Amino acid sequence: SLILKYMVKGAEMSGHEVKDVVITCPAYFNEAE
């Protein structure tokens, strides 16, 4: 979450309002992951 917050901060500095997101993960990730 700290990594995500850092990227969002950069987006907000560029004038973006980040709220709704889609996050990608490997296809082999299980439900817990």
All heavy atoms as atom14 arrays in JSON, in Angstrom:
{
  "sequence": "SLILKYMVKGAEMSGHEVKDVVITCPAYFNEAE",
  "atom14_mask": [
    [1, 1, 1, 1, 1, 1, 0, 0, 0, 0, 0, 0, 0, 0],
    [1, 1, 1, 1, 1, 1, 1, 1, 0, 0, 0, 0, 0, 0],
    [1, 1, 1, 1, 1, 1, 1, 1, 0, 0, 0, 0, 0, 0],
    [1, 1, 1, 1, 1, 1, 1, 1, 0, 0, 0, 0, 0, 0],
    [1, 1, 1, 1, 1, 1, 1, 1, 1, 0, 0, 0, 0, 0],
    [1, 1, 1, 1, 1, 1, 1, 1, 1, 1, 1, 1, 0, 0],
    [1, 1, 1, 1, 1, 1, 1, 1, 0, 0, 0, 0, 0, 0],
    [1, 1, 1, 1, 1, 1, 1, 0, 0, 0, 0, 0, 0, 0],
    [1, 1, 1, 1, 1, 1, 1, 1, 1, 0, 0, 0, 0, 0],
    [1, 1, 1, 1, 0, 0, 0, 0, 0, 0, 0, 0, 0, 0],
    [1, 1, 1, 1, 1, 0, 0, 0, 0, 0, 0, 0, 0, 0],
    [1, 1, 1, 1, 1, 1, 1, 1, 1, 0, 0, 0, 0, 0],
    [1, 1, 1, 1, 1, 1, 1, 1, 0, 0, 0, 0, 0, 0],
    [1, 1, 1, 1, 1, 1, 0, 0, 0, 0, 0, 0, 0, 0],
    [1, 1, 1, 1, 0, 0, 0, 0, 0, 0, 0, 0, 0, 0],
    [1, 1, 1, 1, 1, 1, 1, 1, 1, 1, 0, 0, 0, 0],
    [1, 1, 1, 1, 1, 1, 1, 1, 1, 0, 0, 0, 0, 0],
    [1, 1, 1, 1, 1, 1, 1, 0, 0, 0, 0, 0, 0, 0],
    [1, 1, 1, 1, 1, 1, 1, 1, 1, 0, 0, 0, 0, 0],
    [1, 1, 1, 1, 1, 1, 1, 1, 0, 0, 0, 0, 0, 0],
    [1, 1, 1, 1, 1, 1, 1, 0, 0, 0, 0, 0, 0, 0],
    [1, 1, 1, 1, 1, 1, 1, 0, 0, 0, 0, 0, 0, 0],
    [1, 1, 1, 1, 1, 1, 1, 1, 0, 0, 0, 0, 0, 0],
    [1, 1, 1, 1, 1, 1, 1, 0, 0, 0, 0, 0, 0, 0],
    [1, 1, 1, 1, 1, 1, 0, 0, 0, 0, 0, 0, 0, 0],
    [1, 1, 1, 1, 1, 1, 1, 0, 0, 0, 0, 0, 0, 0],
    [1, 1, 1, 1, 1, 0, 0, 0, 0, 0, 0, 0, 0, 0],
    [1, 1, 1, 1, 1, 1, 1, 1, 1, 1, 1, 1, 0, 0],
    [1, 1, 1, 1, 1, 1, 1, 1, 1, 1, 1, 0, 0, 0],
    [1, 1, 1, 1, 1, 1, 1, 1, 0, 0, 0, 0, 0, 0],
    [1, 1, 1, 1, 1, 1, 1, 1, 1, 0, 0, 0, 0, 0],
    [1, 1, 1, 1, 1, 0, 0, 0, 0, 0, 0, 0, 0, 0],
    [1, 1, 1, 1, 1, 1, 1, 1, 1, 0, 0, 0, 0, 0]
  ],
  "atom14_positions": [
    [[0.82, -1.21, 0.0], [0.0, 0.0, 0.0], [0.86, 1.26, 0.0], [0.48, 2.28, -0.57], [-0.94, 0.0, 1.22], [-0.24, 0.28, 2.42], [0.0, 0.0, 0.0], [0.0, 0.0, 0.0], [0.0, 0.0, 0.0], [0.0, 0.0, 0.0], [0.0, 0.0, 0.0], [0.0, 0.0, 0.0], [0.0, 0.0, 0.0], [0.0, 0.0, 0.0]],
    [[2.04, 1.18, 0.6], [2.94, 2.34, 0.61], [3.46, 2.62, -0.8], [3.62, 3.79, -1.19], [4.12, 2.07, 1.56], [3.75, 1.89, 3.05], [5.0, 1.5, 3.84], [3.13, 3.16, 3.61], [0.0, 0.0, 0.0], [0.0, 0.0, 0.0], [0.0, 0.0, 0.0], [0.0, 0.0, 0.0], [0.0, 0.0, 0.0], [0.0, 0.0, 0.0]],
    [[3.71, 1.57, -1.55], [4.14, 1.73, -2.95], [3.01, 2.34, -3.77], [3.23, 3.25, -4.59], [4.58, 0.37, -3.53], [5.75, -0.19, -2.72], [4.96, 0.51, -5.01], [6.08, -1.64, -3.02], [0.0, 0.0, 0.0], [0.0, 0.0, 0.0], [0.0, 0.0, 0.0], [0.0, 0.0, 0.0], [0.0, 0.0, 0.0], [0.0, 0.0, 0.0]],
    [[1.79, 1.85, -3.54], [0.63, 2.39, -4.26], [0.41, 3.86, -3.92], [0.17, 4.69, -4.81], [-0.61, 1.58, -3.9], [-0.65, 0.14, -4.41], [-1.83, -0.61, -3.8], [-0.74, 0.11, -5.93], [0.0, 0.0, 0.0], [0.0, 0.0, 0.0], [0.0, 0.0, 0.0], [0.0, 0.0, 0.0], [0.0, 0.0, 0.0], [0.0, 0.0, 0.0]],
    [[0.51, 4.2, -2.65], [0.32, 5.6, -2.23], [1.33, 6.52, -2.9], [1.02, 7.64, -3.27], [0.43, 5.71, -0.71], [-0.75, 5.14, 0.05], [-0.53, 5.26, 1.56], [-1.68, 4.69, 2.36], [-1.43, 4.78, 3.82], [0.0, 0.0, 0.0], [0.0, 0.0, 0.0], [0.0, 0.0, 0.0], [0.0, 0.0, 0.0], [0.0, 0.0, 0.0]],
    [[2.54, 6.03, -3.01], [3.6, 6.84, -3.62], [3.28, 7.14, -5.09], [3.42, 8.28, -5.55], [4.93, 6.1, -3.51], [6.11, 6.84, -4.08], [6.66, 7.92, -3.42], [6.69, 6.43, -5.28], [7.76, 8.6, -3.93], [7.79, 7.09, -5.8], [8.32, 8.17, -5.12], [9.4, 8.84, -5.64], [0.0, 0.0, 0.0], [0.0, 0.0, 0.0]],
    [[2.83, 6.13, -5.82], [2.48, 6.35, -7.23], [1.27, 7.27, -7.36], [1.21, 8.13, -8.25], [2.24, 5.01, -7.92], [3.49, 4.17, -8.08], [3.24, 2.74, -9.15], [2.14, 1.75, -8.12], [0.0, 0.0, 0.0], [0.0, 0.0, 0.0], [0.0, 0.0, 0.0], [0.0, 0.0, 0.0], [0.0, 0.0, 0.0], [0.0, 0.0, 0.0]],
    [[0.29, 7.08, -6.49], [-0.9, 7.93, -6.52], [-0.52, 9.38, -6.23], [-1.06, 10.31, -6.84], [-1.95, 7.42, -5.51], [-3.07, 8.45, -5.33], [-2.53, 6.1, -5.98], [0.0, 0.0, 0.0], [0.0, 0.0, 0.0], [0.0, 0.0, 0.0], [0.0, 0.0, 0.0], [0.0, 0.0, 0.0], [0.0, 0.0, 0.0], [0.0, 0.0, 0.0]],
    [[0.4, 9.57, -5.3], [0.86, 10.93, -4.99], [1.43, 11.61, -6.23], [1.17, 12.79, -6.5], [1.92, 10.88, -3.88], [2.46, 12.25, -3.49], [3.51, 12.14, -2.39], [4.08, 13.51, -2.02], [5.12, 13.39, -0.97], [0.0, 0.0, 0.0], [0.0, 0.0, 0.0], [0.0, 0.0, 0.0], [0.0, 0.0, 0.0], [0.0, 0.0, 0.0]],
    [[2.21, 10.85, -7.01], [2.75, 11.4, -8.24], [1.66, 11.79, -9.22], [1.73, 12.83, -9.88], [0.0, 0.0, 0.0], [0.0, 0.0, 0.0], [0.0, 0.0, 0.0], [0.0, 0.0, 0.0], [0.0, 0.0, 0.0], [0.0, 0.0, 0.0], [0.0, 0.0, 0.0], [0.0, 0.0, 0.0], [0.0, 0.0, 0.0], [0.0, 0.0, 0.0]],
    [[0.62, 10.94, -9.31], [-0.5, 11.24, -10.21], [-1.23, 12.5, -9.75], [-1.61, 13.35, -10.58], [-1.45, 10.05, -10.25], [0.0, 0.0, 0.0], [0.0, 0.0, 0.0], [0.0, 0.0, 0.0], [0.0, 0.0, 0.0], [0.0, 0.0, 0.0], [0.0, 0.0, 0.0], [0.0, 0.0, 0.0], [0.0, 0.0, 0.0], [0.0, 0.0, 0.0]],
    [[-1.42, 12.62, -8.46], [-2.13, 13.8, -7.93], [-1.31, 15.06, -8.15], [-1.87, 16.13, -8.38], [-2.44, 13.59, -6.46], [-3.49, 12.5, -6.22], [-3.71, 12.2, -4.75], [-2.82, 12.55, -3.93], [-4.75, 11.59, -4.42], [0.0, 0.0, 0.0], [0.0, 0.0, 0.0], [0.0, 0.0, 0.0], [0.0, 0.0, 0.0], [0.0, 0.0, 0.0]],
    [[-0.01, 14.97, -8.1], [0.86, 16.12, -8.37], [0.73, 16.57, -9.82], [0.99, 17.73, -10.15], [2.31, 15.76, -8.06], [2.61, 15.61, -6.57], [4.26, 14.91, -6.24], [5.32, 16.13, -7.03], [0.0, 0.0, 0.0], [0.0, 0.0, 0.0], [0.0, 0.0, 0.0], [0.0, 0.0, 0.0], [0.0, 0.0, 0.0], [0.0, 0.0, 0.0]],
    [[0.31, 15.63, -10.69], [0.12, 15.95, -12.11], [-1.31, 16.38, -12.42], [-1.66, 16.56, -13.59], [0.48, 14.73, -12.96], [1.82, 14.34, -12.74], [0.0, 0.0, 0.0], [0.0, 0.0, 0.0], [0.0, 0.0, 0.0], [0.0, 0.0, 0.0], [0.0, 0.0, 0.0], [0.0, 0.0, 0.0], [0.0, 0.0, 0.0], [0.0, 0.0, 0.0]],
    [[-2.13, 16.51, -11.38], [-3.49, 16.98, -11.57], [-4.54, 15.89, -11.69], [-5.7, 16.18, -11.97], [0.0, 0.0, 0.0], [0.0, 0.0, 0.0], [0.0, 0.0, 0.0], [0.0, 0.0, 0.0], [0.0, 0.0, 0.0], [0.0, 0.0, 0.0], [0.0, 0.0, 0.0], [0.0, 0.0, 0.0], [0.0, 0.0, 0.0], [0.0, 0.0, 0.0]],
    [[-4.15, 14.64, -11.46], [-5.1, 13.54, -11.53], [-5.75, 13.3, -10.16], [-5.12, 13.52, -9.12], [-4.4, 12.25, -11.97], [-3.81, 12.34, -13.34], [-4.53, 12.03, -14.48], [-2.57, 12.7, -13.76], [-3.75, 12.19, -15.54], [-2.56, 12.6, -15.12], [0.0, 0.0, 0.0], [0.0, 0.0, 0.0], [0.0, 0.0, 0.0], [0.0, 0.0, 0.0]],
    [[-6.97, 12.85, -10.19], [-7.66, 12.46, -8.96], [-7.9, 10.96, -9.04], [-8.82, 10.49, -9.71], [-8.99, 13.19, -8.81], [-9.7, 12.9, -7.51], [-10.99, 13.69, -7.34], [-11.29, 14.55, -8.19], [-11.71, 13.42, -6.36], [0.0, 0.0, 0.0], [0.0, 0.0, 0.0], [0.0, 0.0, 0.0], [0.0, 0.0, 0.0], [0.0, 0.0, 0.0]],
    [[-7.04, 10.21, -8.38], [-7.06, 8.75, -8.49], [-7.92, 8.16, -7.38], [-7.63, 8.34, -6.2], [-5.63, 8.17, -8.41], [-5.68, 6.65, -8.58], [-4.74, 8.8, -9.46], [0.0, 0.0, 0.0], [0.0, 0.0, 0.0], [0.0, 0.0, 0.0], [0.0, 0.0, 0.0], [0.0, 0.0, 0.0], [0.0, 0.0, 0.0], [0.0, 0.0, 0.0]],
    [[-8.97, 7.46, -7.79], [-9.84, 6.78, -6.82], [-10.15, 5.36, -7.28], [-9.92, 4.39, -6.56], [-11.13, 7.57, -6.64], [-12.07, 6.97, -5.58], [-11.43, 6.98, -4.2], [-12.4, 6.45, -3.15], [-11.78, 6.38, -1.8], [0.0, 0.0, 0.0], [0.0, 0.0, 0.0], [0.0, 0.0, 0.0], [0.0, 0.0, 0.0], [0.0, 0.0, 0.0]],
    [[-10.71, 5.24, -8.48], [-11.08, 3.93, -9.01], [-9.91, 3.34, -9.79], [-9.39, 3.97, -10.71], [-12.3, 4.05, -9.92], [-13.52, 4.58, -9.17], [-13.87, 3.97, -8.15], [-14.08, 5.59, -9.6], [0.0, 0.0, 0.0], [0.0, 0.0, 0.0], [0.0, 0.0, 0.0], [0.0, 0.0, 0.0], [0.0, 0.0, 0.0], [0.0, 0.0, 0.0]],
    [[-9.53, 2.11, -9.42], [-8.36, 1.5, -10.05], [-8.61, 0.04, -10.38], [-9.47, -0.62, -9.79], [-7.1, 1.6, -9.15], [-6.77, 3.04, -8.83], [-7.29, 0.78, -7.88], [0.0, 0.0, 0.0], [0.0, 0.0, 0.0], [0.0, 0.0, 0.0], [0.0, 0.0, 0.0], [0.0, 0.0, 0.0], [0.0, 0.0, 0.0], [0.0, 0.0, 0.0]],
    [[-7.83, -0.45, -11.32], [-7.72, -1.88, -11.63], [-6.27, -2.25, -11.41], [-5.37, -1.57, -11.92], [-8.14, -2.18, -13.08], [-7.84, -3.62, -13.43], [-9.62, -1.89, -13.28], [0.0, 0.0, 0.0], [0.0, 0.0, 0.0], [0.0, 0.0, 0.0], [0.0, 0.0, 0.0], [0.0, 0.0, 0.0], [0.0, 0.0, 0.0], [0.0, 0.0, 0.0]],
    [[-6.02, -3.29, -10.65], [-4.65, -3.72, -10.35], [-4.43, -5.09, -11.0], [-5.28, -5.98, -10.9], [-4.41, -3.82, -8.84], [-4.71, -2.47, -8.16], [-2.96, -4.23, -8.56], [-4.58, -2.51, -6.64], [0.0, 0.0, 0.0], [0.0, 0.0, 0.0], [0.0, 0.0, 0.0], [0.0, 0.0, 0.0], [0.0, 0.0, 0.0], [0.0, 0.0, 0.0]],
    [[-3.31, -5.24, -11.65], [-3.01, -6.51, -12.3], [-2.22, -7.44, -11.37], [-1.53, -7.0, -10.45], [-2.21, -6.31, -13.6], [-0.97, -5.66, -13.29], [-3.0, -5.48, -14.59], [0.0, 0.0, 0.0], [0.0, 0.0, 0.0], [0.0, 0.0, 0.0], [0.0, 0.0, 0.0], [0.0, 0.0, 0.0], [0.0, 0.0, 0.0], [0.0, 0.0, 0.0]],
    [[-2.33, -8.74, -11.63], [-1.59, -9.74, -10.87], [-1.29, -10.91, -11.79], [-1.93, -11.08, -12.83], [-2.39, -10.2, -9.65], [-3.75, -11.32, -10.04], [0.0, 0.0, 0.0], [0.0, 0.0, 0.0], [0.0, 0.0, 0.0], [0.0, 0.0, 0.0], [0.0, 0.0, 0.0], [0.0, 0.0, 0.0], [0.0, 0.0, 0.0], [0.0, 0.0, 0.0]],
    [[-0.33, -11.76, -11.45], [-0.03, -12.94, -12.27], [-1.24, -13.86, -12.37], [-2.03, -13.98, -11.43], [1.11, -13.62, -11.52], [1.76, -12.52, -10.73], [0.63, -11.62, -10.33], [0.0, 0.0, 0.0], [0.0, 0.0, 0.0], [0.0, 0.0, 0.0], [0.0, 0.0, 0.0], [0.0, 0.0, 0.0], [0.0, 0.0, 0.0], [0.0, 0.0, 0.0]],
    [[-1.37, -14.55, -13.49], [-2.51, -15.45, -13.69], [-2.51, -16.6, -12.69], [-3.56, -17.13, -12.34], [-2.5, -16.0, -15.12], [0.0, 0.0, 0.0], [0.0, 0.0, 0.0], [0.0, 0.0, 0.0], [0.0, 0.0, 0.0], [0.0, 0.0, 0.0], [0.0, 0.0, 0.0], [0.0, 0.0, 0.0], [0.0, 0.0, 0.0], [0.0, 0.0, 0.0]],
    [[-1.33, -16.98, -12.2], [-1.24, -18.11, -11.28], [-1.46, -17.71, -9.82], [-1.38, -18.55, -8.94], [0.09, -18.83, -11.43], [1.3, -17.94, -11.24], [1.75, -17.61, -9.96], [1.99, -17.43, -12.33], [2.84, -16.8, -9.78], [3.07, -16.6, -12.16], [3.5, -16.3, -10.89], [4.59, -15.47, -10.72], [0.0, 0.0, 0.0], [0.0, 0.0, 0.0]],
    [[-1.73, -16.43, -9.54], [-2.03, -16.01, -8.18], [-3.26, -16.75, -7.68], [-4.27, -16.84, -8.38], [-2.29, -14.51, -8.14], [-1.14, -13.7, -7.59], [0.16, -14.15, -7.68], [-1.36, -12.47, -6.98], [1.22, -13.41, -7.18], [-0.32, -11.73, -6.46], [0.98, -12.19, -6.56], [0.0, 0.0, 0.0], [0.0, 0.0, 0.0], [0.0, 0.0, 0.0]],
    [[-3.19, -17.28, -6.46], [-4.36, -17.94, -5.89], [-5.28, -16.92, -5.24], [-5.01, -15.71, -5.26], [-3.94, -19.03, -4.89], [-3.12, -18.48, -3.73], [-3.32, -17.36, -3.27], [-2.18, -19.28, -3.24], [0.0, 0.0, 0.0], [0.0, 0.0, 0.0], [0.0, 0.0, 0.0], [0.0, 0.0, 0.0], [0.0, 0.0, 0.0], [0.0, 0.0, 0.0]],
    [[-6.36, -17.4, -4.64], [-7.36, -16.48, -4.09], [-6.78, -15.63, -2.97], [-7.08, -14.43, -2.86], [-8.57, -17.28, -3.57], [-9.74, -16.42, -3.13], [-10.35, -15.6, -4.26], [-10.16, -15.96, -5.43], [-11.02, -14.59, -3.96], [0.0, 0.0, 0.0], [0.0, 0.0, 0.0], [0.0, 0.0, 0.0], [0.0, 0.0, 0.0], [0.0, 0.0, 0.0]],
    [[-5.95, -16.22, -2.11], [-5.35, -15.47, -1.01], [-4.46, -14.35, -1.54], [-4.47, -13.22, -1.01], [-4.55, -16.41, -0.12], [0.0, 0.0, 0.0], [0.0, 0.0, 0.0], [0.0, 0.0, 0.0], [0.0, 0.0, 0.0], [0.0, 0.0, 0.0], [0.0, 0.0, 0.0], [0.0, 0.0, 0.0], [0.0, 0.0, 0.0], [0.0, 0.0, 0.0]],
    [[-3.7, -14.63, -2.58], [-2.81, -13.62, -3.16], [-3.6, -12.51, -3.83], [-3.24, -11.33, -3.75], [-1.86, -14.29, -4.16], [-0.86, -15.23, -3.5], [-0.15, -16.13, -4.5], [-0.83, -16.65, -5.41], [1.06, -16.34, -4.34], [0.0, 0.0, 0.0], [0.0, 0.0, 0.0], [0.0, 0.0, 0.0], [0.0, 0.0, 0.0], [0.0, 0.0, 0.0]]
  ]
}
